[in-house]
Each structure stands twice: as C-alpha cells, then as structure tokens.
Amino acid sequence: MKKFMLLVVAVGALTFTSCSKDDDGDSSSDCLICSMSEQGNDVDTKYCDNGDGTITVTVSAQGQEVSQDQDLPEGTTFDEYVDSIEESGENCHR
C-alpha cells in the first residue's frame, strides 16, 4: 500500500495542484479538481493557481492528503496548464 501511495503522490506531484495559498480566499475558479479510481480506491487531485507562477497540487486518497507546490513550466499560464490536463482525458472540473 505504501508503494501505491508513493506512486499516487509522485504522479500528483508531476501533474496536479491545490489551493492552500490563494490570496483571495476561497477562489475555486483558480482550481481544477480531477478524480480517478485506481484499484477500487478513489483518488482526487486538486490543482490551484497561487498567482505567482506556481501551483499547489493536492492528492487525496484513503483519507490522506499530500500537498506540494510546483513551478509552472516556463512560459505557461495556469489556464494553459489546466487545458493540457483536461485534454489528456482526465475526469476534471473547476
């Protein structure tokens, strides 16, 4: 199970975010939430724009939550980043 959680965190760290550093309070429009089911376990990943060229990715699974800040790829806006995730076929919503 630890290997599964490590895999989920690693995948999330590369592709997902959270809203823990939003300066304007609860601005859910600056976040993208993606859900998937892996081996019967629901995994939610939340990507949130921090407004400073970084995003926070939060992966939630089995009652545990892990967050990590990441830099957006150089020259990429949050909306472009979100578009690439949505185009990958993930089950996502804002």
PDB file of N, CA and C in Angstrom:
ATOM      1  N   MET A   1       0.819  -1.186   0.000  1.00  0.00           N
ATOM      2  CA  MET A   1       0.000   0.000   0.000  1.00  0.00           C
ATOM      3  C   MET A   1       0.869   1.258   0.000  1.00  0.00           C
ATOM      4  N   LYS A   2       1.999   1.220   0.701  1.00  0.00           N
ATOM      5  CA  LYS A   2       2.881   2.386   0.723  1.00  0.00           C
ATOM      6  C   LYS A   2       3.419   2.690  -0.673  1.00  0.00           C
ATOM      7  N   LYS A   3       3.705   1.648  -1.437  1.00  0.00           N
ATOM      8  CA  LYS A   3       4.190   1.860  -2.811  1.00  0.00           C
ATOM      9  C   LYS A   3       3.109   2.507  -3.658  1.00  0.00           C
ATOM     10  N   PHE A   4       1.846   2.098  -3.456  1.00  0.00           N
ATOM     11  CA  PHE A   4       0.742   2.686  -4.202  1.00  0.00           C
ATOM     12  C   PHE A   4       0.613   4.166  -3.859  1.00  0.00           C
ATOM     13  N   MET A   5       0.659   4.494  -2.572  1.00  0.00           N
ATOM     14  CA  MET A   5       0.533   5.894  -2.159  1.00  0.00           C
ATOM     15  C   MET A   5       1.710   6.715  -2.680  1.00  0.00           C
ATOM     16  N   LEU A   6       2.904   6.154  -2.663  1.00  0.00           N
ATOM     17  CA  LEU A   6       4.064   6.857  -3.198  1.00  0.00           C
ATOM     18  C   LEU A   6       3.885   7.129  -4.684  1.00  0.00           C
ATOM     19  N   LEU A   7       3.352   6.152  -5.405  1.00  0.00           N
ATOM     20  CA  LEU A   7       3.082   6.335  -6.832  1.00  0.00           C
ATOM     21  C   LEU A   7       2.053   7.440  -7.052  1.00  0.00           C
ATOM     22  N   VAL A   8       0.989   7.441  -6.267  1.00  0.00           N
ATOM     23  CA  VAL A   8      -0.046   8.460  -6.392  1.00  0.00           C
ATOM     24  C   VAL A   8       0.538   9.847  -6.121  1.00  0.00           C
ATOM     25  N   VAL A   9       1.345   9.963  -5.090  1.00  0.00           N
ATOM     26  CA  VAL A   9       1.960  11.247  -4.757  1.00  0.00           C
ATOM     27  C   VAL A   9       2.909  11.684  -5.863  1.00  0.00           C
ATOM     28  N   ALA A  10       3.693  10.763  -6.398  1.00  0.00           N
ATOM     29  CA  ALA A  10       4.629  11.107  -7.466  1.00  0.00           C
ATOM     30  C   ALA A  10       3.889  11.574  -8.716  1.00  0.00           C
ATOM     31  N   VAL A  11       2.831  10.868  -9.082  1.00  0.00           N
ATOM     32  CA  VAL A  11       2.038  11.267 -10.249  1.00  0.00           C
ATOM     33  C   VAL A  11       1.393  12.624  -9.987  1.00  0.00           C
ATOM     34  N   GLY A  12       0.848  12.779  -8.819  1.00  0.00           N
ATOM     35  CA  GLY A  12       0.218  14.042  -8.464  1.00  0.00           C
ATOM     36  C   GLY A  12       1.203  15.192  -8.461  1.00  0.00           C
ATOM     37  N   ALA A  13       2.401  14.929  -7.987  1.00  0.00           N
ATOM     38  CA  ALA A  13       3.417  15.977  -7.936  1.00  0.00           C
ATOM     39  C   ALA A  13       3.802  16.442  -9.331  1.00  0.00           C
ATOM     40  N   LEU A  14       3.709  15.566 -10.282  1.00  0.00           N
ATOM     41  CA  LEU A  14       4.061  15.930 -11.646  1.00  0.00           C
ATOM     42  C   LEU A  14       2.914  16.577 -12.400  1.00  0.00           C
ATOM     43  N   THR A  15       1.671  16.334 -11.956  1.00  0.00           N
ATOM     44  CA  THR A  15       0.556  16.817 -12.771  1.00  0.00           C
ATOM     45  C   THR A  15      -0.564  17.522 -12.040  1.00  0.00           C
ATOM     46  N   PHE A  16      -0.634  17.557 -10.706  1.00  0.00           N
ATOM     47  CA  PHE A  16      -1.809  18.099 -10.021  1.00  0.00           C
ATOM     48  C   PHE A  16      -1.472  19.171  -8.981  1.00  0.00           C
ATOM     49  N   THR A  17      -2.509  19.970  -8.493  1.00  0.00           N
ATOM     50  CA  THR A  17      -2.298  21.077  -7.546  1.00  0.00           C
ATOM     51  C   THR A  17      -3.416  21.321  -6.523  1.00  0.00           C
ATOM     52  N   SER A  18      -3.214  22.236  -5.548  1.00  0.00           N
ATOM     53  CA  SER A  18      -4.203  22.581  -4.523  1.00  0.00           C
ATOM     54  C   SER A  18      -4.270  24.082  -4.263  1.00  0.00           C
ATOM     55  N   CYS A  19      -5.234  24.503  -3.492  1.00  0.00           N
ATOM     56  CA  CYS A  19      -5.497  25.937  -3.299  1.00  0.00           C
ATOM     57  C   CYS A  19      -5.048  26.469  -1.952  1.00  0.00           C
ATOM     58  N   SER A  20      -4.084  25.916  -1.323  1.00  0.00           N
ATOM     59  CA  SER A  20      -3.718  26.343   0.013  1.00  0.00           C
ATOM     60  C   SER A  20      -3.105  27.729   0.076  1.00  0.00           C
ATOM     61  N   LYS A  21      -2.655  28.292  -1.038  1.00  0.00           N
ATOM     62  CA  LYS A  21      -2.006  29.596  -1.000  1.00  0.00           C
ATOM     63  C   LYS A  21      -2.755  30.668  -1.782  1.00  0.00           C
ATOM     64  N   ASP A  22      -4.050  30.493  -2.000  1.00  0.00           N
ATOM     65  CA  ASP A  22      -4.817  31.521  -2.686  1.00  0.00           C
ATOM     66  C   ASP A  22      -4.878  32.761  -1.810  1.00  0.00           C
ATOM     67  N   ASP A  23      -4.525  33.918  -2.355  1.00  0.00           N
ATOM     68  CA  ASP A  23      -4.551  35.161  -1.606  1.00  0.00           C
ATOM     69  C   ASP A  23      -5.949  35.741  -1.490  1.00  0.00           C
ATOM     70  N   ASP A  24      -6.834  35.361  -2.382  1.00  0.00           N
ATOM     71  CA  ASP A  24      -8.168  35.939  -2.400  1.00  0.00           C
ATOM     72  C   ASP A  24      -9.210  35.044  -1.736  1.00  0.00           C
ATOM     73  N   GLY A  25      -8.801  34.258  -0.781  1.00  0.00           N
ATOM     74  CA  GLY A  25      -9.747  33.420  -0.045  1.00  0.00           C
ATOM     75  C   GLY A  25     -10.086  32.160  -0.805  1.00  0.00           C
ATOM     76  N   ASP A  26     -11.371  31.821  -0.806  1.00  0.00           N
ATOM     77  CA  ASP A  26     -11.823  30.578  -1.425  1.00  0.00           C
ATOM     78  C   ASP A  26     -12.214  30.836  -2.875  1.00  0.00           C
ATOM     79  N   SER A  27     -11.243  30.906  -3.749  1.00  0.00           N
ATOM     80  CA  SER A  27     -11.490  31.160  -5.162  1.00  0.00           C
ATOM     81  C   SER A  27     -11.381  29.854  -5.929  1.00  0.00           C
ATOM     82  N   SER A  28     -12.499  29.095  -5.972  1.00  0.00           N
ATOM     83  CA  SER A  28     -12.453  27.780  -6.594  1.00  0.00           C
ATOM     84  C   SER A  28     -12.266  27.866  -8.102  1.00  0.00           C
ATOM     85  N   SER A  29     -12.471  29.053  -8.712  1.00  0.00           N
ATOM     86  CA  SER A  29     -12.277  29.170 -10.154  1.00  0.00           C
ATOM     87  C   SER A  29     -10.795  29.080 -10.511  1.00  0.00           C
ATOM     88  N   ASP A  30      -9.918  29.244  -9.523  1.00  0.00           N
ATOM     89  CA  ASP A  30      -8.485  29.142  -9.743  1.00  0.00           C
ATOM     90  C   ASP A  30      -7.969  27.733  -9.469  1.00  0.00           C
ATOM     91  N   CYS A  31      -8.889  26.778  -9.364  1.00  0.00           N
ATOM     92  CA  CYS A  31      -8.506  25.399  -9.072  1.00  0.00           C
ATOM     93  C   CYS A  31      -9.158  24.439 -10.068  1.00  0.00           C
ATOM     94  N   LEU A  32      -8.486  23.339 -10.297  1.00  0.00           N
ATOM     95  CA  LEU A  32      -9.016  22.250 -11.117  1.00  0.00           C
ATOM     96  C   LEU A  32      -8.969  20.995 -10.269  1.00  0.00           C
ATOM     97  N   ILE A  33     -10.085  20.272 -10.207  1.00  0.00           N
ATOM     98  CA  ILE A  33     -10.161  19.046  -9.419  1.00  0.00           C
ATOM     99  C   ILE A  33     -10.365  17.878 -10.364  1.00  0.00           C
ATOM    100  N   CYS A  34      -9.490  16.880 -10.260  1.00  0.00           N
ATOM    101  CA  CYS A  34      -9.565  15.688 -11.107  1.00  0.00           C
ATOM    102  C   CYS A  34      -9.761  14.468 -10.217  1.00  0.00           C
ATOM    103  N   SER A  35     -10.620  13.559 -10.652  1.00  0.00           N
ATOM    104  CA  SER A  35     -10.912  12.342  -9.898  1.00  0.00           C
ATOM    105  C   SER A  35     -10.620  11.125 -10.744  1.00  0.00           C
ATOM    106  N   MET A  36     -10.132  10.084 -10.087  1.00  0.00           N
ATOM    107  CA  MET A  36      -9.923   8.812 -10.759  1.00  0.00           C
ATOM    108  C   MET A  36     -10.063   7.696  -9.747  1.00  0.00           C
ATOM    109  N   SER A  37     -10.265   6.495 -10.238  1.00  0.00           N
ATOM    110  CA  SER A  37     -10.365   5.332  -9.378  1.00  0.00           C
ATOM    111  C   SER A  37      -9.246   4.372  -9.765  1.00  0.00           C
ATOM    112  N   GLU A  38      -8.432   3.996  -8.787  1.00  0.00           N
ATOM    113  CA  GLU A  38      -7.290   3.113  -9.022  1.00  0.00           C
ATOM    114  C   GLU A  38      -7.413   1.925  -8.077  1.00  0.00           C
ATOM    115  N   GLN A  39      -7.589   0.759  -8.614  1.00  0.00           N
ATOM    116  CA  GLN A  39      -7.706  -0.471  -7.839  1.00  0.00           C
ATOM    117  C   GLN A  39      -8.768  -0.349  -6.752  1.00  0.00           C
ATOM    118  N   GLY A  40      -9.923   0.250  -7.119  1.00  0.00           N
ATOM    119  CA  GLY A  40     -11.024   0.389  -6.181  1.00  0.00           C
ATOM    120  C   GLY A  40     -10.885   1.544  -5.215  1.00  0.00           C
ATOM    121  N   ASN A  41      -9.816   2.305  -5.302  1.00  0.00           N
ATOM    122  CA  ASN A  41      -9.596   3.450  -4.422  1.00  0.00           C
ATOM    123  C   ASN A  41      -9.837   4.740  -5.199  1.00  0.00           C
ATOM    124  N   ASP A  42     -10.600   5.649  -4.604  1.00  0.00           N
ATOM    125  CA  ASP A  42     -10.827   6.946  -5.228  1.00  0.00           C
ATOM    126  C   ASP A  42      -9.658   7.870  -4.906  1.00  0.00           C
ATOM    127  N   VAL A  43      -9.153   8.523  -5.938  1.00  0.00           N
ATOM    128  CA  VAL A  43      -8.035   9.451  -5.790  1.00  0.00           C
ATOM    129  C   VAL A  43      -8.459  10.782  -6.401  1.00  0.00           C
ATOM    130  N   ASP A  44      -8.406  11.843  -5.611  1.00  0.00           N
ATOM    131  CA  ASP A  44      -8.720  13.184  -6.092  1.00  0.00           C
ATOM    132  C   ASP A  44      -7.441  14.005  -6.108  1.00  0.00           C
ATOM    133  N   THR A  45      -7.274  14.747  -7.183  1.00  0.00           N
ATOM    134  CA  THR A  45      -6.122  15.635  -7.298  1.00  0.00           C
ATOM    135  C   THR A  45      -6.643  17.033  -7.577  1.00  0.00           C
ATOM    136  N   LYS A  46      -6.158  17.986  -6.806  1.00  0.00           N
ATOM    137  CA  LYS A  46      -6.599  19.368  -6.937  1.00  0.00           C
ATOM    138  C   LYS A  46      -5.408  20.234  -7.316  1.00  0.00           C
ATOM    139  N   TYR A  47      -5.548  20.982  -8.419  1.00  0.00           N
ATOM    140  CA  TYR A  47      -4.523  21.899  -8.902  1.00  0.00           C
ATOM    141  C   TYR A  47      -5.011  23.319  -8.669  1.00  0.00           C
ATOM    142  N   CYS A  48      -4.252  24.132  -7.974  1.00  0.00           N
ATOM    143  CA  CYS A  48      -4.669  25.513  -7.714  1.00  0.00           C
ATOM    144  C   CYS A  48      -3.563  26.484  -8.082  1.00  0.00           C
ATOM    145  N   ASP A  49      -3.981  27.586  -8.697  1.00  0.00           N
ATOM    146  CA  ASP A  49      -3.065  28.654  -9.090  1.00  0.00           C
ATOM    147  C   ASP A  49      -2.758  29.515  -7.876  1.00  0.00           C
ATOM    148  N   ASN A  50      -1.492  29.677  -7.558  1.00  0.00           N
ATOM    149  CA  ASN A  50      -1.077  30.528  -6.448  1.00  0.00           C
ATOM    150  C   ASN A  50      -0.909  31.978  -6.880  1.00  0.00           C
ATOM    151  N   GLY A  51      -1.001  32.250  -8.181  1.00  0.00           N
ATOM    152  CA  GLY A  51      -0.922  33.607  -8.684  1.00  0.00           C
ATOM    153  C   GLY A  51       0.484  34.158  -8.806  1.00  0.00           C
ATOM    154  N   ASP A  52       1.480  33.326  -8.546  1.00  0.00           N
ATOM    155  CA  ASP A  52       2.870  33.801  -8.600  1.00  0.00           C
ATOM    156  C   ASP A  52       3.748  32.919  -9.490  1.00  0.00           C
ATOM    157  N   GLY A  53       3.114  32.239 -10.454  1.00  0.00           N
ATOM    158  CA  GLY A  53       3.867  31.347 -11.329  1.00  0.00           C
ATOM    159  C   GLY A  53       4.052  29.957 -10.747  1.00  0.00           C
ATOM    160  N   THR A  54       3.380  29.707  -9.606  1.00  0.00           N
ATOM    161  CA  THR A  54       3.431  28.377  -9.001  1.00  0.00           C
ATOM    162  C   THR A  54       2.011  27.853  -8.838  1.00  0.00           C
ATOM    163  N   ILE A  55       1.916  26.545  -8.670  1.00  0.00           N
ATOM    164  CA  ILE A  55       0.646  25.893  -8.392  1.00  0.00           C
ATOM    165  C   ILE A  55       0.841  25.007  -7.173  1.00  0.00           C
ATOM    166  N   THR A  56      -0.258  24.707  -6.508  1.00  0.00           N
ATOM    167  CA  THR A  56      -0.227  23.743  -5.414  1.00  0.00           C
ATOM    168  C   THR A  56      -1.026  22.532  -5.869  1.00  0.00           C
ATOM    169  N   VAL A  57      -0.400  21.376  -5.784  1.00  0.00           N
ATOM    170  CA  VAL A  57      -1.049  20.121  -6.162  1.00  0.00           C
ATOM    171  C   VAL A  57      -1.344  19.358  -4.878  1.00  0.00           C
ATOM    172  N   THR A  58      -2.609  18.993  -4.700  1.00  0.00           N
ATOM    173  CA  THR A  58      -3.003  18.222  -3.522  1.00  0.00           C
ATOM    174  C   THR A  58      -3.612  16.911  -3.991  1.00  0.00           C
ATOM    175  N   VAL A  59      -3.059  15.801  -3.512  1.00  0.00           N
ATOM    176  CA  VAL A  59      -3.568  14.472  -3.841  1.00  0.00           C
ATOM    177  C   VAL A  59      -4.219  13.914  -2.581  1.00  0.00           C
ATOM    178  N   SER A  60      -5.484  13.493  -2.712  1.00  0.00           N
ATOM    179  CA  SER A  60      -6.233  12.924  -1.594  1.00  0.00           C
ATOM    180  C   SER A  60      -6.639  11.501  -1.939  1.00  0.00           C
ATOM    181  N   ALA A  61      -6.327  10.579  -1.034  1.00  0.00           N
ATOM    182  CA  ALA A  61      -6.704   9.179  -1.223  1.00  0.00           C
ATOM    183  C   ALA A  61      -6.771   8.501   0.133  1.00  0.00           C
ATOM    184  N   GLN A  62      -7.765   7.693   0.324  1.00  0.00           N
ATOM    185  CA  GLN A  62      -7.936   6.888   1.531  1.00  0.00           C
ATOM    186  C   GLN A  62      -7.813   7.730   2.800  1.00  0.00           C
ATOM    187  N   GLY A  63      -8.416   8.900   2.782  1.00  0.00           N
ATOM    188  CA  GLY A  63      -8.420   9.753   3.962  1.00  0.00           C
ATOM    189  C   GLY A  63      -7.112  10.483   4.221  1.00  0.00           C
ATOM    190  N   GLN A  64      -6.155  10.346   3.340  1.00  0.00           N
ATOM    191  CA  GLN A  64      -4.875  11.032   3.488  1.00  0.00           C
ATOM    192  C   GLN A  64      -4.753  12.089   2.400  1.00  0.00           C
ATOM    193  N   GLU A  65      -4.025  13.154   2.723  1.00  0.00           N
ATOM    194  CA  GLU A  65      -3.860  14.245   1.771  1.00  0.00           C
ATOM    195  C   GLU A  65      -2.399  14.697   1.785  1.00  0.00           C
ATOM    196  N   VAL A  66      -1.856  14.882   0.586  1.00  0.00           N
ATOM    197  CA  VAL A  66      -0.479  15.347   0.441  1.00  0.00           C
ATOM    198  C   VAL A  66      -0.482  16.518  -0.529  1.00  0.00           C
ATOM    199  N   SER A  67       0.153  17.636  -0.136  1.00  0.00           N
ATOM    200  CA  SER A  67       0.229  18.828  -0.984  1.00  0.00           C
ATOM    201  C   SER A  67       1.677  19.155  -1.294  1.00  0.00           C
ATOM    202  N   GLN A  68       1.866  19.736  -2.471  1.00  0.00           N
ATOM    203  CA  GLN A  68       3.204  20.155  -2.881  1.00  0.00           C
ATOM    204  C   GLN A  68       3.082  21.344  -3.827  1.00  0.00           C
ATOM    205  N   ASP A  69       3.912  22.359  -3.611  1.00  0.00           N
ATOM    206  CA  ASP A  69       3.977  23.489  -4.533  1.00  0.00           C
ATOM    207  C   ASP A  69       4.922  23.156  -5.667  1.00  0.00           C
ATOM    208  N   GLN A  70       4.560  23.631  -6.870  1.00  0.00           N
ATOM    209  CA  GLN A  70       5.376  23.392  -8.063  1.00  0.00           C
ATOM    210  C   GLN A  70       5.408  24.659  -8.891  1.00  0.00           C
ATOM    211  N   ASP A  71       6.497  24.843  -9.609  1.00  0.00           N
ATOM    212  CA  ASP A  71       6.576  25.926 -10.580  1.00  0.00           C
ATOM    213  C   ASP A  71       5.834  25.513 -11.838  1.00  0.00           C
ATOM    214  N   LEU A  72       5.107  26.468 -12.437  1.00  0.00           N
ATOM    215  CA  LEU A  72       4.525  26.205 -13.750  1.00  0.00           C
ATOM    216  C   LEU A  72       5.663  26.146 -14.756  1.00  0.00           C
ATOM    217  N   PRO A  73       5.529  25.324 -15.791  1.00  0.00           N
ATOM    218  CA  PRO A  73       6.567  25.313 -16.823  1.00  0.00           C
ATOM    219  C   PRO A  73       6.768  26.731 -17.371  1.00  0.00           C
ATOM    220  N   GLU A  74       8.002  27.093 -17.629  1.00  0.00           N
ATOM    221  CA  GLU A  74       8.320  28.440 -18.085  1.00  0.00           C
ATOM    222  C   GLU A  74       7.505  28.805 -19.323  1.00  0.00           C
ATOM    223  N   GLY A  75       6.908  29.983 -19.304  1.00  0.00           N
ATOM    224  CA  GLY A  75       6.120  30.458 -20.434  1.00  0.00           C
ATOM    225  C   GLY A  75       4.717  29.892 -20.492  1.00  0.00           C
ATOM    226  N   THR A  76       4.283  29.159 -19.454  1.00  0.00           N
ATOM    227  CA  THR A  76       2.963  28.541 -19.435  1.00  0.00           C
ATOM    228  C   THR A  76       2.097  29.232 -18.390  1.00  0.00           C
ATOM    229  N   THR A  77       0.878  29.589 -18.776  1.00  0.00           N
ATOM    230  CA  THR A  77      -0.064  30.143 -17.816  1.00  0.00           C
ATOM    231  C   THR A  77      -0.804  29.000 -17.127  1.00  0.00           C
ATOM    232  N   PHE A  78      -1.478  29.324 -16.023  1.00  0.00           N
ATOM    233  CA  PHE A  78      -2.260  28.309 -15.329  1.00  0.00           C
ATOM    234  C   PHE A  78      -3.360  27.765 -16.239  1.00  0.00           C
ATOM    235  N   ASP A  79      -4.015  28.650 -16.994  1.00  0.00           N
ATOM    236  CA  ASP A  79      -5.079  28.193 -17.898  1.00  0.00           C
ATOM    237  C   ASP A  79      -4.551  27.228 -18.960  1.00  0.00           C
ATOM    238  N   GLU A  80      -3.361  27.494 -19.493  1.00  0.00           N
ATOM    239  CA  GLU A  80      -2.756  26.576 -20.468  1.00  0.00           C
ATOM    240  C   GLU A  80      -2.419  25.237 -19.808  1.00  0.00           C
ATOM    241  N   TYR A  81      -1.939  25.291 -18.575  1.00  0.00           N
ATOM    242  CA  TYR A  81      -1.620  24.079 -17.824  1.00  0.00           C
ATOM    243  C   TYR A  81      -2.893  23.253 -17.611  1.00  0.00           C
ATOM    244  N   VAL A  82      -3.964  23.925 -17.201  1.00  0.00           N
ATOM    245  CA  VAL A  82      -5.252  23.257 -16.981  1.00  0.00           C
ATOM    246  C   VAL A  82      -5.775  22.656 -18.282  1.00  0.00           C
ATOM    247  N   ASP A  83      -5.673  23.414 -19.378  1.00  0.00           N
ATOM    248  CA  ASP A  83      -6.124  22.902 -20.678  1.00  0.00           C
ATOM    249  C   ASP A  83      -5.413  21.607 -21.046  1.00  0.00           C
ATOM    250  N   SER A  84      -4.114  21.537 -20.778  1.00  0.00           N
ATOM    251  CA  SER A  84      -3.361  20.318 -21.116  1.00  0.00           C
ATOM    252  C   SER A  84      -3.823  19.131 -20.275  1.00  0.00           C
ATOM    253  N   ILE A  85      -4.182  19.378 -19.024  1.00  0.00           N
ATOM    254  CA  ILE A  85      -4.691  18.294 -18.174  1.00  0.00           C
ATOM    255  C   ILE A  85      -6.054  17.833 -18.681  1.00  0.00           C
ATOM    256  N   GLU A  86      -6.924  18.799 -18.985  1.00  0.00           N
ATOM    257  CA  GLU A  86      -8.265  18.445 -19.460  1.00  0.00           C
ATOM    258  C   GLU A  86      -8.221  17.711 -20.793  1.00  0.00           C
ATOM    259  N   GLU A  87      -7.297  18.086 -21.669  1.00  0.00           N
ATOM    260  CA  GLU A  87      -7.172  17.432 -22.969  1.00  0.00           C
ATOM    261  C   GLU A  87      -6.640  16.011 -22.850  1.00  0.00           C
ATOM    262  N   SER A  88      -6.007  15.683 -21.724  1.00  0.00           N
ATOM    263  CA  SER A  88      -5.463  14.336 -21.537  1.00  0.00           C
ATOM    264  C   SER A  88      -6.561  13.310 -21.266  1.00  0.00           C
ATOM    265  N   GLY A  89      -7.798  13.787 -21.092  1.00  0.00           N
ATOM    266  CA  GLY A  89      -8.904  12.858 -20.874  1.00  0.00           C
ATOM    267  C   GLY A  89      -9.212  12.598 -19.412  1.00  0.00           C
ATOM    268  N   GLU A  90      -8.567  13.320 -18.506  1.00  0.00           N
ATOM    269  CA  GLU A  90      -8.842  13.167 -17.078  1.00  0.00           C
ATOM    270  C   GLU A  90     -10.276  13.602 -16.787  1.00  0.00           C
ATOM    271  N   ASN A  91     -10.877  13.032 -15.755  1.00  0.00           N
ATOM    272  CA  ASN A  91     -12.216  13.407 -15.299  1.00  0.00           C
ATOM    273  C   ASN A  91     -12.061  14.606 -14.368  1.00  0.00           C
ATOM    274  N   CYS A  92     -12.136  15.835 -14.935  1.00  0.00           N
ATOM    275  CA  CYS A  92     -11.834  17.047 -14.166  1.00  0.00           C
ATOM    276  C   CYS A  92     -12.971  18.053 -14.246  1.00  0.00           C
ATOM    277  N   HIS A  93     -13.022  18.936 -13.249  1.00  0.00           N
ATOM    278  CA  HIS A  93     -13.958  20.056 -13.233  1.00  0.00           C
ATOM    279  C   HIS A  93     -13.370  21.199 -12.418  1.00  0.00           C
ATOM    280  N   ARG A  94     -13.864  22.387 -12.668  1.00  0.00           N
ATOM    281  CA  ARG A  94     -13.428  23.568 -11.890  1.00  0.00           C
ATOM    282  C   ARG A  94     -14.404  23.841 -10.789  1.00  0.00           C
TER     283      ARG A  94
END
